[in-house]
Amino acid sequence: MKISLKLIGALAVAGVMMIGATSCGEPKEELPTVYFTRDISPEGLVKVYEALGVKPEGRVAVKISTGEPGGHNFLQPALIKDLVQGLGANIVECNTAYAGRRNTTEAHYQAAVEHGFTAIATVDIMDGEGEIRIPVRDTTHLKFNIVGENVAHYDWMVNIAHFKGHAMGGFGGVLKNASIGVASSNGKAYIHTAGKCETKEDMWAQVAKTEQDHFLESMAAAAQSVHDYYEGRVVYINVANNLSVDCDCDSHPADPEMNDIGIFASLDPVALDQASVDAVFDYPSKEGDDAAALIERINSRHGIHILEHAAAIGLGSREYRLVELE
């Protein structure tokens, strides 16, 4: 059972709602909690993070998308600065597998400079000097995950995703940010081809032959491998603003057709992405503020399947408890 964000004000009791119920109509116990705020600001981001009650220790990586130059929807440094600096964290990224201005370490770092990220923190392109293979639990398509070698430099990861549409995956949230985002340039090719190509040079011919569901299942498996690598020491946040149908990897993304929603946070990445998708599907659309385009993008790519598979392999739960912060 899903409860629309439209009903939060009417159904919230002490700021808490239950998503999911037993066959007898009683709320399920111990559902993962997803925190939500409508306040898309540095203060709102810190508030929703602090609601999780987790204090990362040691070396902390904040995984974002630096955004393909030409695009403008990526999360702005001013929004994330307070949280990143409060954690004493590095911003981390990996190179792309497609031609553009982030497919080499030098060009990618320059993009980070231009977009303002180096002004607020050290930026680490994690596959800049190499890559490593880490285990995957789900070997349906992948036999391992290929990630930037600098994942080993960190004790915790804070995954801050810009939630929006995606041309291949339907939508991009924390699961994509953990899988495609943490994968090295070659690792991205490996996931996109569902394990057929281990290098980006052979990627695109095989992408056209790869079944969509297999690609989505590979993303779920890769996201789980990163979660496992850090032994669950990962915090997940989705910022649902600038809700274009296109990803921040697009240098010319479509303009959003709907308004911003808010910020979601959880320790369960499946619950978090599910809550974000539910917010889009339950959005109170009206003329000039319409979620139809983003819903069509998600449905046309069978985007929900990444959630189905991630839950099936044990990464998280599609049922959750939503807590709105005042």
C-alpha atoms as a PDB file:
ATOM      1  CA  MET A   1       0.000   0.000   0.000  1.00  0.00           C
ATOM      2  CA  LYS A   2       1.290   3.464  -0.832  1.00  0.00           C
ATOM      3  CA  ILE A   3       0.132   6.745   0.679  1.00  0.00           C
ATOM      4  CA  SER A   4       0.467   9.841  -1.465  1.00  0.00           C
ATOM      5  CA  LEU A   5       2.433  12.865  -0.342  1.00  0.00           C
ATOM      6  CA  LYS A   6      -0.797  14.731  -1.045  1.00  0.00           C
ATOM      7  CA  LEU A   7      -2.189  13.079   2.080  1.00  0.00           C
ATOM      8  CA  ILE A   8       0.668  13.859   4.432  1.00  0.00           C
ATOM      9  CA  GLY A   9      -1.025  16.811   6.042  1.00  0.00           C
ATOM     10  CA  ALA A  10      -4.273  14.931   6.591  1.00  0.00           C
ATOM     11  CA  LEU A  11      -2.875  11.575   7.683  1.00  0.00           C
ATOM     12  CA  ALA A  12       0.367  12.398   9.481  1.00  0.00           C
ATOM     13  CA  VAL A  13       0.192  11.853  13.214  1.00  0.00           C
ATOM     14  CA  ALA A  14       3.069  13.445  15.082  1.00  0.00           C
ATOM     15  CA  GLY A  15       4.821  13.681  11.759  1.00  0.00           C
ATOM     16  CA  VAL A  16       4.768   9.934  11.069  1.00  0.00           C
ATOM     17  CA  MET A  17       3.073   7.886   8.376  1.00  0.00           C
ATOM     18  CA  MET A  18       3.232   4.177   7.713  1.00  0.00           C
ATOM     19  CA  ILE A  19       3.649   2.871   4.185  1.00  0.00           C
ATOM     20  CA  GLY A  20       2.697  -0.785   3.908  1.00  0.00           C
ATOM     21  CA  ALA A  21       0.342  -2.917   5.976  1.00  0.00           C
ATOM     22  CA  THR A  22      -0.224  -6.520   6.936  1.00  0.00           C
ATOM     23  CA  SER A  23      -3.095  -8.524   5.489  1.00  0.00           C
ATOM     24  CA  CYS A  24      -5.036  -7.692   8.667  1.00  0.00           C
ATOM     25  CA  GLY A  25      -4.631  -3.996   8.053  1.00  0.00           C
ATOM     26  CA  GLU A  26      -2.136  -3.468  10.899  1.00  0.00           C
ATOM     27  CA  PRO A  27       1.060  -1.504  10.192  1.00  0.00           C
ATOM     28  CA  LYS A  28       4.112  -3.659   9.680  1.00  0.00           C
ATOM     29  CA  GLU A  29       6.808  -3.345  12.315  1.00  0.00           C
ATOM     30  CA  GLU A  30      10.354  -2.251  11.751  1.00  0.00           C
ATOM     31  CA  LEU A  31       9.853  -0.850   8.295  1.00  0.00           C
ATOM     32  CA  PRO A  32      12.776   1.306   7.194  1.00  0.00           C
ATOM     33  CA  THR A  33      12.257   4.992   7.826  1.00  0.00           C
ATOM     34  CA  VAL A  34      12.438   7.595   5.069  1.00  0.00           C
ATOM     35  CA  TYR A  35      12.696  11.173   6.321  1.00  0.00           C
ATOM     36  CA  PHE A  36      11.307  13.980   4.189  1.00  0.00           C
ATOM     37  CA  THR A  37      11.455  17.754   4.181  1.00  0.00           C
ATOM     38  CA  ARG A  38      10.019  20.214   1.687  1.00  0.00           C
ATOM     39  CA  ASP A  39      12.809  22.627   2.610  1.00  0.00           C
ATOM     40  CA  ILE A  40      15.323  22.408  -0.245  1.00  0.00           C
ATOM     41  CA  SER A  41      18.044  24.524   1.324  1.00  0.00           C
ATOM     42  CA  PRO A  42      21.403  23.950   3.038  1.00  0.00           C
ATOM     43  CA  GLU A  43      19.549  23.958   6.362  1.00  0.00           C
ATOM     44  CA  GLY A  44      16.959  21.491   5.094  1.00  0.00           C
ATOM     45  CA  LEU A  45      19.645  19.140   3.801  1.00  0.00           C
ATOM     46  CA  VAL A  46      21.487  19.168   7.131  1.00  0.00           C
ATOM     47  CA  LYS A  47      18.213  18.680   9.003  1.00  0.00           C
ATOM     48  CA  VAL A  48      17.118  15.632   7.035  1.00  0.00           C
ATOM     49  CA  TYR A  49      20.620  14.140   7.319  1.00  0.00           C
ATOM     50  CA  GLU A  50      20.711  14.671  11.083  1.00  0.00           C
ATOM     51  CA  ALA A  51      17.310  12.982  11.425  1.00  0.00           C
ATOM     52  CA  LEU A  52      19.011   9.713  10.478  1.00  0.00           C
ATOM     53  CA  GLY A  53      20.970   9.805  13.737  1.00  0.00           C
ATOM     54  CA  VAL A  54      24.183   8.541  12.158  1.00  0.00           C
ATOM     55  CA  LYS A  55      27.612  10.051  12.774  1.00  0.00           C
ATOM     56  CA  PRO A  56      30.164   8.854  10.211  1.00  0.00           C
ATOM     57  CA  GLU A  57      33.679   8.522  11.569  1.00  0.00           C
ATOM     58  CA  GLY A  58      37.042   8.447   9.864  1.00  0.00           C
ATOM     59  CA  ARG A  59      37.388   9.348   6.201  1.00  0.00           C
ATOM     60  CA  VAL A  60      34.067  10.329   4.622  1.00  0.00           C
ATOM     61  CA  ALA A  61      33.245  10.412   0.900  1.00  0.00           C
ATOM     62  CA  VAL A  62      30.283  12.425  -0.352  1.00  0.00           C
ATOM     63  CA  LYS A  63      29.215  10.939  -3.690  1.00  0.00           C
ATOM     64  CA  ILE A  64      27.457  13.385  -5.992  1.00  0.00           C
ATOM     65  CA  SER A  65      27.261  13.959  -9.719  1.00  0.00           C
ATOM     66  CA  THR A  66      29.448  16.861 -10.825  1.00  0.00           C
ATOM     67  CA  GLY A  67      27.162  17.325 -13.853  1.00  0.00           C
ATOM     68  CA  GLU A  68      28.081  17.331 -17.518  1.00  0.00           C
ATOM     69  CA  PRO A  69      29.154  20.836 -18.607  1.00  0.00           C
ATOM     70  CA  GLY A  70      26.331  22.518 -20.473  1.00  0.00           C
ATOM     71  CA  GLY A  71      23.762  21.088 -18.097  1.00  0.00           C
ATOM     72  CA  HIS A  72      22.375  23.144 -15.234  1.00  0.00           C
ATOM     73  CA  ASN A  73      20.186  20.860 -13.121  1.00  0.00           C
ATOM     74  CA  PHE A  74      22.912  19.220 -11.011  1.00  0.00           C
ATOM     75  CA  LEU A  75      23.004  19.831  -7.240  1.00  0.00           C
ATOM     76  CA  GLN A  76      24.617  23.174  -6.564  1.00  0.00           C
ATOM     77  CA  PRO A  77      27.688  23.527  -4.318  1.00  0.00           C
ATOM     78  CA  ALA A  78      25.866  26.120  -2.206  1.00  0.00           C
ATOM     79  CA  LEU A  79      23.209  23.525  -1.347  1.00  0.00           C
ATOM     80  CA  ILE A  80      25.594  20.797  -0.189  1.00  0.00           C
ATOM     81  CA  LYS A  81      28.440  22.925   1.226  1.00  0.00           C
ATOM     82  CA  ASP A  82      27.344  23.000   4.872  1.00  0.00           C
ATOM     83  CA  LEU A  83      26.804  19.257   5.040  1.00  0.00           C
ATOM     84  CA  VAL A  84      30.012  18.380   3.190  1.00  0.00           C
ATOM     85  CA  GLN A  85      32.152  20.691   5.284  1.00  0.00           C
ATOM     86  CA  GLY A  86      30.420  19.663   8.504  1.00  0.00           C
ATOM     87  CA  LEU A  87      31.414  16.072   7.765  1.00  0.00           C
ATOM     88  CA  GLY A  88      34.974  17.079   6.840  1.00  0.00           C
ATOM     89  CA  ALA A  89      34.353  15.045   3.683  1.00  0.00           C
ATOM     90  CA  ASN A  90      35.802  14.798   0.201  1.00  0.00           C
ATOM     91  CA  ILE A  91      33.501  15.005  -2.796  1.00  0.00           C
ATOM     92  CA  VAL A  92      33.988  11.877  -4.917  1.00  0.00           C
ATOM     93  CA  GLU A  93      33.167  10.985  -8.504  1.00  0.00           C
ATOM     94  CA  CYS A  94      34.265   8.622 -11.278  1.00  0.00           C
ATOM     95  CA  ASN A  95      34.870   9.236 -14.957  1.00  0.00           C
ATOM     96  CA  THR A  96      32.167   8.670 -17.556  1.00  0.00           C
ATOM     97  CA  ALA A  97      32.168   6.019 -20.268  1.00  0.00           C
ATOM     98  CA  TYR A  98      30.671   8.270 -22.935  1.00  0.00           C
ATOM     99  CA  ALA A  99      32.427  11.007 -24.884  1.00  0.00           C
ATOM    100  CA  GLY A 100      32.113  14.354 -23.201  1.00  0.00           C
ATOM    101  CA  ARG A 101      33.922  16.595 -20.761  1.00  0.00           C
ATOM    102  CA  ARG A 102      34.063  14.131 -17.883  1.00  0.00           C
ATOM    103  CA  ASN A 103      35.517  11.052 -19.586  1.00  0.00           C
ATOM    104  CA  THR A 104      39.121  11.790 -18.598  1.00  0.00           C
ATOM    105  CA  THR A 105      40.369  12.688 -15.144  1.00  0.00           C
ATOM    106  CA  GLU A 106      41.813  16.006 -16.257  1.00  0.00           C
ATOM    107  CA  ALA A 107      38.653  17.110 -18.067  1.00  0.00           C
ATOM    108  CA  HIS A 108      36.418  15.837 -15.271  1.00  0.00           C
ATOM    109  CA  TYR A 109      38.354  17.708 -12.617  1.00  0.00           C
ATOM    110  CA  GLN A 110      38.129  20.880 -14.689  1.00  0.00           C
ATOM    111  CA  ALA A 111      34.351  20.409 -14.895  1.00  0.00           C
ATOM    112  CA  ALA A 112      34.280  20.144 -11.098  1.00  0.00           C
ATOM    113  CA  VAL A 113      36.229  23.404 -10.916  1.00  0.00           C
ATOM    114  CA  GLU A 114      33.868  25.166 -13.312  1.00  0.00           C
ATOM    115  CA  HIS A 115      30.803  23.952 -11.439  1.00  0.00           C
ATOM    116  CA  GLY A 116      32.146  25.202  -8.102  1.00  0.00           C
ATOM    117  CA  PHE A 117      32.749  21.941  -6.269  1.00  0.00           C
ATOM    118  CA  THR A 118      36.493  22.374  -5.720  1.00  0.00           C
ATOM    119  CA  ALA A 119      35.720  25.659  -3.954  1.00  0.00           C
ATOM    120  CA  ILE A 120      33.896  23.833  -1.143  1.00  0.00           C
ATOM    121  CA  ALA A 121      35.865  20.586  -0.740  1.00  0.00           C
ATOM    122  CA  THR A 122      38.613  18.360  -2.089  1.00  0.00           C
ATOM    123  CA  VAL A 123      37.310  16.586  -5.190  1.00  0.00           C
ATOM    124  CA  ASP A 124      38.552  13.031  -5.717  1.00  0.00           C
ATOM    125  CA  ILE A 125      38.050  11.412  -9.129  1.00  0.00           C
ATOM    126  CA  MET A 126      38.222   7.918  -7.683  1.00  0.00           C
ATOM    127  CA  ASP A 127      39.245   6.073 -10.855  1.00  0.00           C
ATOM    128  CA  GLY A 128      41.764   8.732 -11.812  1.00  0.00           C
ATOM    129  CA  GLU A 129      44.695   6.420 -11.172  1.00  0.00           C
ATOM    130  CA  GLY A 130      43.077   3.023 -11.464  1.00  0.00           C
ATOM    131  CA  GLU A 131      40.227   0.701 -10.626  1.00  0.00           C
ATOM    132  CA  ILE A 132      39.589  -2.352  -8.481  1.00  0.00           C
ATOM    133  CA  ARG A 133      37.101  -5.197  -8.549  1.00  0.00           C
ATOM    134  CA  ILE A 134      34.824  -5.719  -5.576  1.00  0.00           C
ATOM    135  CA  PRO A 135      32.516  -8.691  -4.933  1.00  0.00           C
ATOM    136  CA  VAL A 136      28.851  -8.817  -5.886  1.00  0.00           C
ATOM    137  CA  ARG A 137      26.330 -10.963  -4.046  1.00  0.00           C
ATOM    138  CA  ASP A 138      23.986 -11.179  -7.016  1.00  0.00           C
ATOM    139  CA  THR A 139      25.895 -12.815  -9.871  1.00  0.00           C
ATOM    140  CA  THR A 140      22.949 -13.063 -12.261  1.00  0.00           C
ATOM    141  CA  HIS A 141      24.728 -10.792 -14.738  1.00  0.00           C
ATOM    142  CA  LEU A 142      27.844  -9.416 -13.046  1.00  0.00           C
ATOM    143  CA  LYS A 143      30.663 -11.523 -11.640  1.00  0.00           C
ATOM    144  CA  PHE A 144      32.173  -8.519  -9.830  1.00  0.00           C
ATOM    145  CA  ASN A 145      31.872  -4.731  -9.790  1.00  0.00           C
ATOM    146  CA  ILE A 146      34.583  -2.496 -11.258  1.00  0.00           C
ATOM    147  CA  VAL A 147      34.950   0.695  -9.209  1.00  0.00           C
ATOM    148  CA  GLY A 148      37.407   3.536  -8.799  1.00  0.00           C
ATOM    149  CA  GLU A 149      40.313   2.312  -6.699  1.00  0.00           C
ATOM    150  CA  ASN A 150      39.998   5.232  -4.297  1.00  0.00           C
ATOM    151  CA  VAL A 151      36.854   3.757  -2.754  1.00  0.00           C
ATOM    152  CA  ALA A 152      39.407   2.087  -0.493  1.00  0.00           C
ATOM    153  CA  HIS A 153      40.450   5.502   0.886  1.00  0.00           C
ATOM    154  CA  TYR A 154      37.171   6.009   2.726  1.00  0.00           C
ATOM    155  CA  ASP A 155      35.441   4.577   5.787  1.00  0.00           C
ATOM    156  CA  TRP A 156      31.966   5.979   5.076  1.00  0.00           C
ATOM    157  CA  MET A 157      30.031   7.126   2.044  1.00  0.00           C
ATOM    158  CA  VAL A 158      27.278   9.751   2.033  1.00  0.00           C
ATOM    159  CA  ASN A 159      25.374   9.228  -1.218  1.00  0.00           C
ATOM    160  CA  ILE A 160      23.655  12.490  -2.191  1.00  0.00           C
ATOM    161  CA  ALA A 161      21.775  11.980  -5.436  1.00  0.00           C
ATOM    162  CA  HIS A 162      19.876  14.441  -7.553  1.00  0.00           C
ATOM    163  CA  PHE A 163      16.627  12.550  -8.110  1.00  0.00           C
ATOM    164  CA  LYS A 164      15.348  13.074 -11.697  1.00  0.00           C
ATOM    165  CA  GLY A 165      14.673  11.182 -14.910  1.00  0.00           C
ATOM    166  CA  HIS A 166      17.214   9.269 -16.937  1.00  0.00           C
ATOM    167  CA  ALA A 167      17.318   8.430 -20.629  1.00  0.00           C
ATOM    168  CA  MET A 168      18.356   4.802 -20.066  1.00  0.00           C
ATOM    169  CA  GLY A 169      17.292   3.934 -16.520  1.00  0.00           C
ATOM    170  CA  GLY A 170      14.006   5.832 -16.419  1.00  0.00           C
ATOM    171  CA  PHE A 171      15.021   7.629 -13.246  1.00  0.00           C
ATOM    172  CA  GLY A 172      18.202   8.265 -11.328  1.00  0.00           C
ATOM    173  CA  GLY A 173      18.409   8.274  -7.547  1.00  0.00           C
ATOM    174  CA  VAL A 174      20.704   6.790  -4.940  1.00  0.00           C
ATOM    175  CA  LEU A 175      20.745   3.328  -6.535  1.00  0.00           C
ATOM    176  CA  LYS A 176      22.094   4.760  -9.769  1.00  0.00           C
ATOM    177  CA  ASN A 177      24.472   7.044  -7.877  1.00  0.00           C
ATOM    178  CA  ALA A 178      25.888   4.033  -6.024  1.00  0.00           C
ATOM    179  CA  SER A 179      26.132   1.798  -9.075  1.00  0.00           C
ATOM    180  CA  ILE A 180      26.908   3.756 -12.248  1.00  0.00           C
ATOM    181  CA  GLY A 181      28.225   6.636 -10.139  1.00  0.00           C
ATOM    182  CA  VAL A 182      30.827   4.671  -8.172  1.00  0.00           C
ATOM    183  CA  ALA A 183      31.769   2.434 -11.094  1.00  0.00           C
ATOM    184  CA  SER A 184      34.948   3.339 -12.932  1.00  0.00           C
ATOM    185  CA  SER A 185      34.746   4.316 -16.569  1.00  0.00           C
ATOM    186  CA  ASN A 186      35.174   0.647 -17.516  1.00  0.00           C
ATOM    187  CA  GLY A 187      32.828  -0.385 -14.726  1.00  0.00           C
ATOM    188  CA  LYS A 188      30.097   1.739 -16.214  1.00  0.00           C
ATOM    189  CA  ALA A 189      30.488  -0.190 -19.468  1.00  0.00           C
ATOM    190  CA  TYR A 190      30.325  -3.465 -17.548  1.00  0.00           C
ATOM    191  CA  ILE A 191      27.033  -2.509 -15.878  1.00  0.00           C
ATOM    192  CA  HIS A 192      25.441  -0.998 -18.983  1.00  0.00           C
ATOM    193  CA  THR A 193      26.125  -4.206 -20.937  1.00  0.00           C
ATOM    194  CA  ALA A 194      25.005  -6.466 -18.065  1.00  0.00           C
ATOM    195  CA  GLY A 195      28.440  -8.030 -17.759  1.00  0.00           C
ATOM    196  CA  LYS A 196      29.284  -8.427 -21.448  1.00  0.00           C
ATOM    197  CA  CYS A 197      32.014  -5.739 -21.762  1.00  0.00           C
ATOM    198  CA  GLU A 198      34.725  -5.003 -19.213  1.00  0.00           C
ATOM    199  CA  THR A 199      36.115  -1.998 -21.085  1.00  0.00           C
ATOM    200  CA  LYS A 200      34.406   1.096 -22.425  1.00  0.00           C
ATOM    201  CA  GLU A 201      35.950   0.645 -25.868  1.00  0.00           C
ATOM    202  CA  ASP A 202      33.616  -2.274 -26.561  1.00  0.00           C
ATOM    203  CA  MET A 203      30.586  -0.786 -24.852  1.00  0.00           C
ATOM    204  CA  TRP A 204      28.167   0.828 -27.267  1.00  0.00           C
ATOM    205  CA  ALA A 205      27.654  -2.014 -29.740  1.00  0.00           C
ATOM    206  CA  GLN A 206      26.759  -4.282 -26.827  1.00  0.00           C
ATOM    207  CA  VAL A 207      24.521  -1.741 -25.102  1.00  0.00           C
ATOM    208  CA  ALA A 208      22.137  -1.925 -28.053  1.00  0.00           C
ATOM    209  CA  LYS A 209      21.950  -5.709 -27.603  1.00  0.00           C
ATOM    210  CA  THR A 210      21.473  -5.666 -23.826  1.00  0.00           C
ATOM    211  CA  GLU A 211      17.982  -6.311 -22.482  1.00  0.00           C
ATOM    212  CA  GLN A 212      16.670  -3.361 -20.489  1.00  0.00           C
ATOM    213  CA  ASP A 213      15.756  -5.400 -17.428  1.00  0.00           C
ATOM    214  CA  HIS A 214      19.224  -6.967 -17.390  1.00  0.00           C
ATOM    215  CA  PHE A 215      20.780  -3.504 -17.319  1.00  0.00           C
ATOM    216  CA  LEU A 216      18.526  -2.461 -14.435  1.00  0.00           C
ATOM    217  CA  GLU A 217      19.265  -5.682 -12.558  1.00  0.00           C
ATOM    218  CA  SER A 218      22.988  -5.074 -13.034  1.00  0.00           C
ATOM    219  CA  MET A 219      22.645  -1.601 -11.541  1.00  0.00           C
ATOM    220  CA  ALA A 220      20.892  -3.067  -8.504  1.00  0.00           C
ATOM    221  CA  ALA A 221      23.635  -5.678  -8.053  1.00  0.00           C
ATOM    222  CA  ALA A 222      26.357  -3.048  -8.357  1.00  0.00           C
ATOM    223  CA  ALA A 223      24.651  -0.758  -5.834  1.00  0.00           C
ATOM    224  CA  GLN A 224      24.457  -3.663  -3.406  1.00  0.00           C
ATOM    225  CA  SER A 225      28.159  -4.377  -3.857  1.00  0.00           C
ATOM    226  CA  VAL A 226      29.066  -0.819  -2.861  1.00  0.00           C
ATOM    227  CA  HIS A 227      26.754  -1.002   0.170  1.00  0.00           C
ATOM    228  CA  ASP A 228      28.407  -4.289   1.149  1.00  0.00           C
ATOM    229  CA  TYR A 229      31.913  -2.941   0.534  1.00  0.00           C
ATOM    230  CA  TYR A 230      31.347  -0.285   3.179  1.00  0.00           C
ATOM    231  CA  GLU A 231      29.597  -2.864   5.393  1.00  0.00           C
ATOM    232  CA  GLY A 232      26.474  -0.719   5.451  1.00  0.00           C
ATOM    233  CA  ARG A 233      28.329   2.455   6.419  1.00  0.00           C
ATOM    234  CA  VAL A 234      26.426   4.435   3.801  1.00  0.00           C
ATOM    235  CA  VAL A 235      23.933   7.289   4.187  1.00  0.00           C
ATOM    236  CA  TYR A 236      21.451   7.861   1.353  1.00  0.00           C
ATOM    237  CA  ILE A 237      19.852  11.185   0.374  1.00  0.00           C
ATOM    238  CA  ASN A 238      17.715  12.130  -2.658  1.00  0.00           C
ATOM    239  CA  VAL A 239      17.210  15.779  -3.522  1.00  0.00           C
ATOM    240  CA  ALA A 240      14.077  15.951  -5.684  1.00  0.00           C
ATOM    241  CA  ASN A 241      14.474  19.298  -7.411  1.00  0.00           C
ATOM    242  CA  ASN A 242      14.940  20.391 -11.012  1.00  0.00           C
ATOM    243  CA  LEU A 243      12.949  17.311 -11.984  1.00  0.00           C
ATOM    244  CA  SER A 244      13.875  17.014 -15.627  1.00  0.00           C
ATOM    245  CA  VAL A 245      13.234  13.816 -17.549  1.00  0.00           C
ATOM    246  CA  ASP A 246      16.973  13.878 -18.316  1.00  0.00           C
ATOM    247  CA  CYS A 247      20.000  13.052 -16.215  1.00  0.00           C
ATOM    248  CA  ASP A 248      22.747  15.424 -15.122  1.00  0.00           C
ATOM    249  CA  CYS A 249      24.983  13.468 -17.506  1.00  0.00           C
ATOM    250  CA  ASP A 250      23.096  15.193 -20.350  1.00  0.00           C
ATOM    251  CA  SER A 251      24.741  18.410 -21.505  1.00  0.00           C
ATOM    252  CA  HIS A 252      21.411  19.687 -22.867  1.00  0.00           C
ATOM    253  CA  PRO A 253      18.706  18.365 -20.513  1.00  0.00           C
ATOM    254  CA  ALA A 254      15.038  19.108 -20.989  1.00  0.00           C
ATOM    255  CA  ASP A 255      13.606  21.721 -18.666  1.00  0.00           C
ATOM    256  CA  PRO A 256      11.500  20.371 -15.796  1.00  0.00           C
ATOM    257  CA  GLU A 257       7.741  20.391 -16.334  1.00  0.00           C
ATOM    258  CA  MET A 258       6.923  19.986 -12.643  1.00  0.00           C
ATOM    259  CA  ASN A 259       7.889  21.849  -9.501  1.00  0.00           C
ATOM    260  CA  ASP A 260      10.374  20.719  -6.892  1.00  0.00           C
ATOM    261  CA  ILE A 261       9.263  18.205  -4.250  1.00  0.00           C
ATOM    262  CA  GLY A 262      11.798  18.119  -1.407  1.00  0.00           C
ATOM    263  CA  ILE A 263      14.623  16.117   0.152  1.00  0.00           C
ATOM    264  CA  PHE A 264      14.379  12.475   1.229  1.00  0.00           C
ATOM    265  CA  ALA A 265      16.893  10.578   3.412  1.00  0.00           C
ATOM    266  CA  SER A 266      17.186   6.997   4.638  1.00  0.00           C
ATOM    267  CA  LEU A 267      19.629   4.269   5.551  1.00  0.00           C
ATOM    268  CA  ASP A 268      17.739   1.993   3.132  1.00  0.00           C
ATOM    269  CA  PRO A 269      18.456   2.910  -0.513  1.00  0.00           C
ATOM    270  CA  VAL A 270      15.548   0.895  -1.920  1.00  0.00           C
ATOM    271  CA  ALA A 271      13.027   2.486   0.426  1.00  0.00           C
ATOM    272  CA  LEU A 272      14.466   5.898  -0.395  1.00  0.00           C
ATOM    273  CA  ASP A 273      14.231   5.549  -4.171  1.00  0.00           C
ATOM    274  CA  GLN A 274      10.774   3.970  -3.825  1.00  0.00           C
ATOM    275  CA  ALA A 275       9.551   6.901  -1.730  1.00  0.00           C
ATOM    276  CA  SER A 276      10.944   9.326  -4.299  1.00  0.00           C
ATOM    277  CA  VAL A 277       9.259   7.490  -7.180  1.00  0.00           C
ATOM    278  CA  ASP A 278       5.995   7.360  -5.226  1.00  0.00           C
ATOM    279  CA  ALA A 279       6.169  11.127  -4.733  1.00  0.00           C
ATOM    280  CA  VAL A 280       6.366  11.591  -8.497  1.00  0.00           C
ATOM    281  CA  PHE A 281       3.560   9.140  -9.296  1.00  0.00           C
ATOM    282  CA  ASP A 282       1.331  10.660  -6.601  1.00  0.00           C
ATOM    283  CA  TYR A 283       2.179  14.238  -7.554  1.00  0.00           C
ATOM    284  CA  PRO A 284      -0.842  16.590  -7.675  1.00  0.00           C
ATOM    285  CA  SER A 285      -0.304  17.657 -11.278  1.00  0.00           C
ATOM    286  CA  LYS A 286      -1.995  20.671 -12.757  1.00  0.00           C
ATOM    287  CA  GLU A 287      -1.530  22.855 -15.803  1.00  0.00           C
ATOM    288  CA  GLY A 288       1.993  24.234 -15.839  1.00  0.00           C
ATOM    289  CA  ASP A 289       3.110  21.902 -13.050  1.00  0.00           C
ATOM    290  CA  ASP A 290       2.778  18.387 -14.408  1.00  0.00           C
ATOM    291  CA  ALA A 291       4.597  15.148 -13.540  1.00  0.00           C
ATOM    292  CA  ALA A 292       3.289  13.336 -16.647  1.00  0.00           C
ATOM    293  CA  ALA A 293       6.543  13.620 -18.619  1.00  0.00           C
ATOM    294  CA  LEU A 294       8.665  12.219 -15.804  1.00  0.00           C
ATOM    295  CA  ILE A 295       6.159   9.438 -15.141  1.00  0.00           C
ATOM    296  CA  GLU A 296       6.232   8.520 -18.827  1.00  0.00           C
ATOM    297  CA  ARG A 297      10.026   8.477 -18.798  1.00  0.00           C
ATOM    298  CA  ILE A 298      10.085   6.113 -15.808  1.00  0.00           C
ATOM    299  CA  ASN A 299       7.409   3.810 -17.232  1.00  0.00           C
ATOM    300  CA  SER A 300       8.811   3.718 -20.762  1.00  0.00           C
ATOM    301  CA  ARG A 301      12.159   2.433 -19.445  1.00  0.00           C
ATOM    302  CA  HIS A 302      10.546   0.035 -16.932  1.00  0.00           C
ATOM    303  CA  GLY A 303      12.462   2.038 -14.341  1.00  0.00           C
ATOM    304  CA  ILE A 304      10.592   0.480 -11.427  1.00  0.00           C
ATOM    305  CA  HIS A 305      12.382  -2.809 -12.129  1.00  0.00           C
ATOM    306  CA  ILE A 306      15.577  -1.654 -10.441  1.00  0.00           C
ATOM    307  CA  LEU A 307      13.545  -1.400  -7.227  1.00  0.00           C
ATOM    308  CA  GLU A 308      11.950  -4.778  -7.791  1.00  0.00           C
ATOM    309  CA  HIS A 309      15.311  -6.454  -8.281  1.00  0.00           C
ATOM    310  CA  ALA A 310      17.109  -4.567  -5.514  1.00  0.00           C
ATOM    311  CA  ALA A 311      14.448  -5.696  -3.064  1.00  0.00           C
ATOM    312  CA  ALA A 312      14.548  -9.262  -4.388  1.00  0.00           C
ATOM    313  CA  ILE A 313      18.315  -9.551  -3.822  1.00  0.00           C
ATOM    314  CA  GLY A 314      18.060  -8.174  -0.291  1.00  0.00           C
ATOM    315  CA  LEU A 315      19.436  -4.648  -0.678  1.00  0.00           C
ATOM    316  CA  GLY A 316      16.410  -3.058   0.938  1.00  0.00           C
ATOM    317  CA  SER A 317      12.647  -2.775   1.250  1.00  0.00           C
ATOM    318  CA  ARG A 318      10.073  -1.264  -1.067  1.00  0.00           C
ATOM    319  CA  GLU A 319       7.814  -0.686   1.922  1.00  0.00           C
ATOM    320  CA  TYR A 320       8.731   2.081   4.305  1.00  0.00           C
ATOM    321  CA  ARG A 321       7.671   4.507   7.012  1.00  0.00           C
ATOM    322  CA  LEU A 322       7.643   8.127   5.857  1.00  0.00           C
ATOM    323  CA  VAL A 323       8.408  10.811   8.436  1.00  0.00           C
ATOM    324  CA  GLU A 324       7.889  14.408   7.399  1.00  0.00           C
ATOM    325  CA  LEU A 325      10.055  16.906   9.248  1.00  0.00           C
ATOM    326  CA  GLU A 326       8.460  20.227  10.077  1.00  0.00           C
END
